[in-house]
Amino acid sequence: MTNKKGKFFLAGIFGAIVGTVGGLLFAPQSGQETRKDITLLAKKIADQIKNSASDTQKKVKEVFGQVTDETKQTYNKIQSSLSSRVASVKTAGKLIDKDSYSQIVEDVVAEFKDDLKTTQNGAQKMVGQLKKDWLKVKKALV
């Protein structure tokens, strides 16, 4: 059984390497152009989901239980990371629908789980807040 897992793991790594090399060889534009596209799309998404100051404070309080400069910074950092990740996926030519957006949200929030330990269920609350922005993100992707 362990041998099968090892072979499966090696096949997965081999597939990832082949996919990466193929992507680089057949990329229609340079890396610099791709990074520029990602940056522009991330900014467009960020602008679309940007909240008013009072709305941001409300969301920060719901997630963290209090509004401080640190909690607002963390909230904005997570939101910015999400925008960049969505832009990267979209620029890579992958479809982003509600389900894939939800998965990206969960992955990004998981990266910040240590920052969200200050409140009970902080990560779940943050995921819920970011998933509510799907329609705004969808509009930016068009």
N, C-alpha and C. Protein backbone atom coordinates (compact mmCIF):
# COMPACT_ATOMS: atom_id res chain seq x y z
N MET A 1 0.82 -1.19 0.00
CA MET A 1 0.00 0.00 0.00
C MET A 1 0.86 1.26 0.00
N THR A 2 1.95 1.25 0.73
CA THR A 2 2.85 2.39 0.78
C THR A 2 3.49 2.61 -0.58
N ASN A 3 3.81 1.52 -1.29
CA ASN A 3 4.41 1.61 -2.61
C ASN A 3 3.47 2.32 -3.58
N LYS A 4 2.17 2.03 -3.50
CA LYS A 4 1.19 2.68 -4.37
C LYS A 4 1.12 4.17 -4.08
N LYS A 5 1.17 4.53 -2.80
CA LYS A 5 1.13 5.95 -2.43
C LYS A 5 2.36 6.66 -2.95
N GLY A 6 3.51 6.01 -2.85
CA GLY A 6 4.76 6.60 -3.35
C GLY A 6 4.71 6.84 -4.85
N LYS A 7 4.21 5.84 -5.58
CA LYS A 7 4.11 5.98 -7.03
C LYS A 7 3.11 7.08 -7.40
N PHE A 8 2.01 7.14 -6.67
CA PHE A 8 1.01 8.18 -6.92
C PHE A 8 1.61 9.55 -6.67
N PHE A 9 2.34 9.68 -5.58
CA PHE A 9 2.98 10.96 -5.23
C PHE A 9 3.98 11.37 -6.31
N LEU A 10 4.82 10.42 -6.75
CA LEU A 10 5.80 10.73 -7.79
C LEU A 10 5.11 11.11 -9.10
N ALA A 11 4.03 10.42 -9.43
CA ALA A 11 3.29 10.76 -10.65
C ALA A 11 2.71 12.17 -10.55
N GLY A 12 2.24 12.54 -9.36
CA GLY A 12 1.71 13.89 -9.16
C GLY A 12 2.78 14.94 -9.32
N ILE A 13 3.95 14.69 -8.76
CA ILE A 13 5.06 15.64 -8.88
C ILE A 13 5.50 15.74 -10.34
N PHE A 14 5.61 14.60 -11.00
CA PHE A 14 6.00 14.60 -12.41
C PHE A 14 5.01 15.39 -13.24
N GLY A 15 3.72 15.18 -12.99
CA GLY A 15 2.68 15.92 -13.72
C GLY A 15 2.78 17.42 -13.49
N ALA A 16 3.05 17.81 -12.24
CA ALA A 16 3.19 19.24 -11.93
C ALA A 16 4.38 19.85 -12.65
N ILE A 17 5.49 19.12 -12.69
CA ILE A 17 6.69 19.63 -13.38
C ILE A 17 6.44 19.76 -14.87
N VAL A 18 5.85 18.73 -15.47
CA VAL A 18 5.55 18.77 -16.90
C VAL A 18 4.59 19.93 -17.20
N GLY A 19 3.59 20.11 -16.38
CA GLY A 19 2.63 21.20 -16.57
C GLY A 19 3.29 22.57 -16.48
N THR A 20 4.17 22.73 -15.50
CA THR A 20 4.88 24.00 -15.32
C THR A 20 5.77 24.29 -16.52
N VAL A 21 6.56 23.31 -16.94
CA VAL A 21 7.45 23.49 -18.09
C VAL A 21 6.63 23.79 -19.34
N GLY A 22 5.57 23.04 -19.55
CA GLY A 22 4.72 23.29 -20.72
C GLY A 22 4.12 24.68 -20.69
N GLY A 23 3.69 25.11 -19.53
CA GLY A 23 3.13 26.44 -19.40
C GLY A 23 4.14 27.52 -19.73
N LEU A 24 5.38 27.32 -19.27
CA LEU A 24 6.42 28.30 -19.56
C LEU A 24 6.80 28.31 -21.04
N LEU A 25 6.86 27.13 -21.64
CA LEU A 25 7.25 27.06 -23.05
C LEU A 25 6.18 27.62 -23.98
N PHE A 26 4.93 27.44 -23.62
CA PHE A 26 3.85 27.86 -24.51
C PHE A 26 3.15 29.14 -24.05
N ALA A 27 3.73 29.82 -23.09
CA ALA A 27 3.13 31.06 -22.59
C ALA A 27 3.07 32.09 -23.72
N PRO A 28 1.91 32.72 -23.90
CA PRO A 28 1.75 33.65 -25.02
C PRO A 28 2.41 35.01 -24.79
N GLN A 29 2.88 35.28 -23.58
CA GLN A 29 3.50 36.57 -23.30
C GLN A 29 4.62 36.38 -22.28
N SER A 30 5.42 37.44 -22.13
CA SER A 30 6.56 37.35 -21.22
C SER A 30 6.09 37.36 -19.77
N GLY A 31 6.98 36.96 -18.89
CA GLY A 31 6.68 36.99 -17.46
C GLY A 31 6.39 38.40 -16.98
N GLN A 32 7.10 39.36 -17.51
CA GLN A 32 6.89 40.76 -17.12
C GLN A 32 5.48 41.21 -17.51
N GLU A 33 5.04 40.85 -18.69
CA GLU A 33 3.69 41.21 -19.12
C GLU A 33 2.63 40.51 -18.27
N THR A 34 2.89 39.25 -17.94
CA THR A 34 1.96 38.50 -17.10
C THR A 34 1.86 39.13 -15.72
N ARG A 35 3.00 39.49 -15.13
CA ARG A 35 2.97 40.14 -13.80
C ARG A 35 2.22 41.47 -13.86
N LYS A 36 2.39 42.19 -14.96
CA LYS A 36 1.68 43.46 -15.12
C LYS A 36 0.17 43.21 -15.19
N ASP A 37 -0.23 42.19 -15.96
CA ASP A 37 -1.66 41.85 -16.06
C ASP A 37 -2.23 41.46 -14.70
N ILE A 38 -1.46 40.67 -13.94
CA ILE A 38 -1.91 40.26 -12.61
C ILE A 38 -2.08 41.47 -11.71
N THR A 39 -1.10 42.38 -11.74
CA THR A 39 -1.17 43.58 -10.90
C THR A 39 -2.38 44.44 -11.25
N LEU A 40 -2.61 44.64 -12.54
CA LEU A 40 -3.75 45.46 -12.97
C LEU A 40 -5.08 44.82 -12.57
N LEU A 41 -5.20 43.52 -12.77
CA LEU A 41 -6.44 42.84 -12.41
C LEU A 41 -6.64 42.83 -10.89
N ALA A 42 -5.56 42.63 -10.13
CA ALA A 42 -5.67 42.65 -8.67
C ALA A 42 -6.14 44.02 -8.19
N LYS A 43 -5.63 45.08 -8.82
CA LYS A 43 -6.08 46.43 -8.44
C LYS A 43 -7.55 46.63 -8.78
N LYS A 44 -7.96 46.14 -9.94
CA LYS A 44 -9.36 46.25 -10.34
C LYS A 44 -10.28 45.52 -9.36
N ILE A 45 -9.87 44.32 -8.95
CA ILE A 45 -10.65 43.55 -7.98
C ILE A 45 -10.68 44.27 -6.64
N ALA A 46 -9.52 44.75 -6.21
CA ALA A 46 -9.45 45.46 -4.92
C ALA A 46 -10.34 46.70 -4.93
N ASP A 47 -10.32 47.44 -6.03
CA ASP A 47 -11.17 48.62 -6.13
C ASP A 47 -12.66 48.24 -6.07
N GLN A 48 -12.99 47.12 -6.67
CA GLN A 48 -14.38 46.67 -6.71
C GLN A 48 -14.89 46.26 -5.33
N ILE A 49 -14.02 45.64 -4.52
CA ILE A 49 -14.48 45.15 -3.21
C ILE A 49 -14.14 46.10 -2.07
N LYS A 50 -13.53 47.22 -2.41
CA LYS A 50 -13.18 48.20 -1.38
C LYS A 50 -14.46 48.70 -0.69
N ASN A 51 -14.38 48.80 0.61
CA ASN A 51 -15.53 49.21 1.40
C ASN A 51 -15.37 50.65 1.87
N SER A 52 -16.48 51.25 2.23
CA SER A 52 -16.39 52.55 2.86
C SER A 52 -15.74 52.36 4.23
N ALA A 53 -15.25 53.42 4.82
CA ALA A 53 -14.58 53.33 6.13
C ALA A 53 -15.50 52.73 7.18
N SER A 54 -16.75 53.18 7.21
CA SER A 54 -17.68 52.67 8.23
C SER A 54 -18.02 51.20 7.97
N ASP A 55 -18.13 50.82 6.70
CA ASP A 55 -18.42 49.43 6.37
C ASP A 55 -17.25 48.53 6.76
N THR A 56 -16.03 49.02 6.50
CA THR A 56 -14.83 48.26 6.88
C THR A 56 -14.78 48.08 8.39
N GLN A 57 -15.06 49.14 9.14
CA GLN A 57 -15.04 49.03 10.60
C GLN A 57 -16.06 48.01 11.09
N LYS A 58 -17.22 48.01 10.48
CA LYS A 58 -18.27 47.06 10.85
C LYS A 58 -17.80 45.62 10.61
N LYS A 59 -17.20 45.38 9.45
CA LYS A 59 -16.72 44.04 9.12
C LYS A 59 -15.56 43.63 10.01
N VAL A 60 -14.66 44.55 10.29
CA VAL A 60 -13.51 44.26 11.16
C VAL A 60 -14.00 43.91 12.56
N LYS A 61 -14.97 44.65 13.05
CA LYS A 61 -15.51 44.37 14.40
C LYS A 61 -16.18 43.00 14.43
N GLU A 62 -16.89 42.64 13.36
CA GLU A 62 -17.55 41.34 13.31
C GLU A 62 -16.54 40.20 13.31
N VAL A 63 -15.43 40.38 12.59
CA VAL A 63 -14.43 39.32 12.49
C VAL A 63 -13.54 39.25 13.74
N PHE A 64 -13.05 40.41 14.18
CA PHE A 64 -12.06 40.45 15.26
C PHE A 64 -12.64 40.78 16.63
N GLY A 65 -13.86 41.27 16.67
CA GLY A 65 -14.47 41.61 17.95
C GLY A 65 -14.13 43.02 18.42
N GLN A 66 -13.18 43.65 17.76
CA GLN A 66 -12.79 45.02 18.10
C GLN A 66 -12.17 45.69 16.87
N VAL A 67 -12.16 47.01 16.88
CA VAL A 67 -11.58 47.76 15.77
C VAL A 67 -10.36 48.49 16.29
N THR A 68 -9.20 48.07 15.81
CA THR A 68 -7.94 48.74 16.12
C THR A 68 -7.19 48.92 14.81
N ASP A 69 -6.12 49.69 14.85
CA ASP A 69 -5.32 49.84 13.64
C ASP A 69 -4.78 48.48 13.18
N GLU A 70 -4.40 47.65 14.12
CA GLU A 70 -3.86 46.33 13.79
C GLU A 70 -4.91 45.43 13.14
N THR A 71 -6.13 45.42 13.69
CA THR A 71 -7.17 44.56 13.11
C THR A 71 -7.59 45.06 11.73
N LYS A 72 -7.64 46.37 11.55
CA LYS A 72 -7.97 46.91 10.22
C LYS A 72 -6.88 46.56 9.21
N GLN A 73 -5.62 46.64 9.66
CA GLN A 73 -4.50 46.30 8.79
C GLN A 73 -4.55 44.84 8.37
N THR A 74 -4.84 43.98 9.34
CA THR A 74 -4.93 42.55 9.05
C THR A 74 -6.06 42.28 8.06
N TYR A 75 -7.21 42.88 8.30
CA TYR A 75 -8.36 42.70 7.41
C TYR A 75 -8.00 43.13 5.98
N ASN A 76 -7.38 44.31 5.86
CA ASN A 76 -7.01 44.83 4.54
C ASN A 76 -5.93 43.97 3.89
N LYS A 77 -5.00 43.44 4.69
CA LYS A 77 -3.94 42.58 4.16
C LYS A 77 -4.53 41.29 3.59
N ILE A 78 -5.50 40.72 4.29
CA ILE A 78 -6.15 39.49 3.81
C ILE A 78 -6.93 39.79 2.53
N GLN A 79 -7.64 40.89 2.52
CA GLN A 79 -8.42 41.27 1.34
C GLN A 79 -7.50 41.51 0.14
N SER A 80 -6.37 42.14 0.37
CA SER A 80 -5.41 42.39 -0.70
C SER A 80 -4.80 41.09 -1.23
N SER A 81 -4.48 40.19 -0.31
CA SER A 81 -3.94 38.89 -0.70
C SER A 81 -4.95 38.12 -1.54
N LEU A 82 -6.21 38.20 -1.16
CA LEU A 82 -7.26 37.53 -1.92
C LEU A 82 -7.36 38.11 -3.33
N SER A 83 -7.33 39.43 -3.44
CA SER A 83 -7.40 40.07 -4.76
C SER A 83 -6.26 39.60 -5.65
N SER A 84 -5.05 39.54 -5.08
CA SER A 84 -3.89 39.11 -5.86
C SER A 84 -4.02 37.66 -6.29
N ARG A 85 -4.49 36.81 -5.40
CA ARG A 85 -4.62 35.39 -5.72
C ARG A 85 -5.67 35.19 -6.82
N VAL A 86 -6.79 35.86 -6.71
CA VAL A 86 -7.83 35.73 -7.74
C VAL A 86 -7.29 36.22 -9.08
N ALA A 87 -6.57 37.32 -9.07
CA ALA A 87 -6.00 37.86 -10.31
C ALA A 87 -5.00 36.89 -10.91
N SER A 88 -4.19 36.25 -10.09
CA SER A 88 -3.21 35.28 -10.59
C SER A 88 -3.89 34.10 -11.26
N VAL A 89 -4.92 33.60 -10.62
CA VAL A 89 -5.65 32.46 -11.17
C VAL A 89 -6.32 32.85 -12.48
N LYS A 90 -6.96 34.00 -12.51
CA LYS A 90 -7.66 34.45 -13.71
C LYS A 90 -6.66 34.70 -14.85
N THR A 91 -5.54 35.33 -14.54
CA THR A 91 -4.54 35.63 -15.56
C THR A 91 -3.92 34.35 -16.12
N ALA A 92 -3.89 33.31 -15.31
CA ALA A 92 -3.38 32.02 -15.77
C ALA A 92 -4.37 31.32 -16.71
N GLY A 93 -5.53 31.95 -16.91
CA GLY A 93 -6.50 31.41 -17.85
C GLY A 93 -7.51 30.46 -17.24
N LYS A 94 -7.52 30.37 -15.93
CA LYS A 94 -8.45 29.45 -15.28
C LYS A 94 -9.78 30.14 -15.03
N LEU A 95 -10.83 29.36 -15.09
CA LEU A 95 -12.17 29.85 -14.83
C LEU A 95 -12.35 30.12 -13.34
N ILE A 96 -12.94 31.24 -13.03
CA ILE A 96 -13.26 31.53 -11.63
C ILE A 96 -14.77 31.68 -11.52
N ASP A 97 -15.36 30.68 -10.88
CA ASP A 97 -16.78 30.73 -10.60
C ASP A 97 -16.95 30.86 -9.09
N LYS A 98 -18.18 30.82 -8.64
CA LYS A 98 -18.43 31.00 -7.21
C LYS A 98 -17.73 29.94 -6.37
N ASP A 99 -17.74 28.70 -6.83
CA ASP A 99 -17.10 27.62 -6.07
C ASP A 99 -15.59 27.79 -6.01
N SER A 100 -14.97 28.11 -7.14
CA SER A 100 -13.52 28.26 -7.12
C SER A 100 -13.12 29.50 -6.32
N TYR A 101 -13.94 30.55 -6.40
CA TYR A 101 -13.68 31.75 -5.59
C TYR A 101 -13.75 31.40 -4.10
N SER A 102 -14.75 30.62 -3.73
CA SER A 102 -14.90 30.20 -2.33
C SER A 102 -13.68 29.42 -1.86
N GLN A 103 -13.17 28.56 -2.72
CA GLN A 103 -11.98 27.78 -2.36
C GLN A 103 -10.76 28.68 -2.20
N ILE A 104 -10.62 29.67 -3.08
CA ILE A 104 -9.51 30.61 -2.98
C ILE A 104 -9.61 31.39 -1.66
N VAL A 105 -10.83 31.82 -1.31
CA VAL A 105 -11.05 32.53 -0.04
C VAL A 105 -10.59 31.68 1.12
N GLU A 106 -11.01 30.43 1.14
CA GLU A 106 -10.63 29.54 2.25
C GLU A 106 -9.13 29.33 2.32
N ASP A 107 -8.47 29.20 1.17
CA ASP A 107 -7.02 29.02 1.14
C ASP A 107 -6.29 30.26 1.66
N VAL A 108 -6.73 31.43 1.21
CA VAL A 108 -6.08 32.68 1.65
C VAL A 108 -6.27 32.87 3.15
N VAL A 109 -7.47 32.69 3.63
CA VAL A 109 -7.73 32.87 5.06
C VAL A 109 -6.92 31.87 5.89
N ALA A 110 -6.75 30.66 5.38
CA ALA A 110 -5.95 29.66 6.10
C ALA A 110 -4.50 30.13 6.26
N GLU A 111 -4.00 30.88 5.30
CA GLU A 111 -2.64 31.41 5.40
C GLU A 111 -2.51 32.45 6.52
N PHE A 112 -3.61 33.06 6.89
CA PHE A 112 -3.60 34.10 7.92
C PHE A 112 -4.20 33.61 9.24
N LYS A 113 -4.31 32.31 9.40
CA LYS A 113 -5.00 31.78 10.58
C LYS A 113 -4.39 32.25 11.89
N ASP A 114 -3.09 32.44 11.95
CA ASP A 114 -2.47 32.92 13.19
C ASP A 114 -2.93 34.34 13.53
N ASP A 115 -3.16 35.16 12.51
CA ASP A 115 -3.64 36.52 12.73
C ASP A 115 -5.10 36.54 13.18
N LEU A 116 -5.81 35.46 12.97
CA LEU A 116 -7.24 35.40 13.27
C LEU A 116 -7.54 34.65 14.56
N LYS A 117 -6.51 34.27 15.31
CA LYS A 117 -6.72 33.51 16.55
C LYS A 117 -7.26 34.38 17.69
N THR A 118 -7.21 35.69 17.52
CA THR A 118 -7.62 36.58 18.60
C THR A 118 -9.11 36.53 18.89
N THR A 119 -9.88 36.03 17.96
CA THR A 119 -11.33 35.95 18.18
C THR A 119 -11.80 34.52 18.00
N GLN A 120 -12.89 34.24 18.65
CA GLN A 120 -13.49 32.92 18.49
C GLN A 120 -14.09 32.84 17.09
N ASN A 121 -13.74 31.81 16.37
CA ASN A 121 -14.24 31.59 15.01
C ASN A 121 -13.84 32.71 14.05
N GLY A 122 -12.72 33.40 14.31
CA GLY A 122 -12.29 34.51 13.46
C GLY A 122 -12.10 34.12 12.01
N ALA A 123 -11.48 32.97 11.78
CA ALA A 123 -11.24 32.54 10.40
C ALA A 123 -12.56 32.27 9.68
N GLN A 124 -13.49 31.61 10.36
CA GLN A 124 -14.80 31.34 9.74
C GLN A 124 -15.53 32.64 9.43
N LYS A 125 -15.44 33.59 10.34
CA LYS A 125 -16.10 34.88 10.12
C LYS A 125 -15.47 35.61 8.94
N MET A 126 -14.14 35.54 8.84
CA MET A 126 -13.45 36.20 7.74
C MET A 126 -13.83 35.56 6.41
N VAL A 127 -13.88 34.24 6.38
CA VAL A 127 -14.30 33.53 5.16
C VAL A 127 -15.70 33.98 4.76
N GLY A 128 -16.60 34.05 5.73
CA GLY A 128 -17.97 34.49 5.45
C GLY A 128 -18.02 35.89 4.88
N GLN A 129 -17.23 36.80 5.46
CA GLN A 129 -17.20 38.18 4.97
C GLN A 129 -16.69 38.25 3.53
N LEU A 130 -15.61 37.54 3.25
CA LEU A 130 -15.02 37.60 1.92
C LEU A 130 -15.88 36.91 0.86
N LYS A 131 -16.56 35.85 1.24
CA LYS A 131 -17.44 35.17 0.29
C LYS A 131 -18.62 36.06 -0.10
N LYS A 132 -19.01 36.96 0.76
CA LYS A 132 -20.11 37.88 0.44
C LYS A 132 -19.73 38.82 -0.70
N ASP A 133 -18.43 38.97 -0.95
CA ASP A 133 -17.96 39.87 -2.01
C ASP A 133 -17.93 39.22 -3.39
N TRP A 134 -18.43 37.99 -3.52
CA TRP A 134 -18.35 37.28 -4.79
C TRP A 134 -18.91 38.08 -5.96
N LEU A 135 -20.07 38.68 -5.82
CA LEU A 135 -20.67 39.40 -6.94
C LEU A 135 -19.82 40.58 -7.37
N LYS A 136 -19.20 41.25 -6.40
CA LYS A 136 -18.30 42.36 -6.74
C LYS A 136 -17.06 41.86 -7.49
N VAL A 137 -16.51 40.75 -7.03
CA VAL A 137 -15.35 40.17 -7.69
C VAL A 137 -15.72 39.71 -9.10
N LYS A 138 -16.86 39.08 -9.23
CA LYS A 138 -17.33 38.61 -10.54
C LYS A 138 -17.43 39.77 -11.52
N LYS A 139 -17.94 40.89 -11.04
CA LYS A 139 -18.07 42.08 -11.90
C LYS A 139 -16.69 42.57 -12.35
N ALA A 140 -15.71 42.50 -11.46
CA ALA A 140 -14.35 42.96 -11.82
C ALA A 140 -13.68 42.02 -12.83
N LEU A 141 -14.08 40.76 -12.83
CA LEU A 141 -13.45 39.78 -13.71
C LEU A 141 -13.95 39.85 -15.14
N VAL A 142 -15.04 40.54 -15.36
CA VAL A 142 -15.63 40.61 -16.70
C VAL A 142 -14.90 41.59 -17.57
